[in-house]
């Protein structure tokens, strides 16, 4: 419980104490505690990222109660933010490899067919999940970085950086 409160404080701080942006990242689904092995893997990744570049900062989102997008929120040296999923396992490795290929290339369609034949419906369901997560992370990044974007929960335009009118 204390760890979650500390992580929430860090999240608020790196998001500039902007309650509108923080609220935009709350999706109403609170994650349970991560598996110990998964948390250890995330921690190793975060420690590596944070030690390699002191001008960026990575936070595990699963230990917060206010960020429910991605596994990591990373503040980049430019001041921009990115959300990242940390996927493990052979199927996820195949999906990541497939997503680096050109969608119009014949080899991509062939590879997709091979993977569907090998893994069946669970593969396509996981691919759909990964694509949804990537879209949500991109929308959230765009919104947090630009203060204008699409609300990832209600799929409506949203603006947070509203300046008062001068009279």
Foldseek 3Di string as FASTA:
>chain_A
DVQQVVLQVVVCVLLPVQPVLLQLQQQPDQDDDDDPVVVVVVVVVQVVVCVVDVLKHKGQCNSYNRHDAARIWMQDNVRAIFHYHDDDDDLVVLLVVLVVDDPVDPVSVVSVVVSCVVPNPVSVVVSVVVVLSVVLRVQSRCCSRVQWGARNNPRHTGHRPDDDDDD
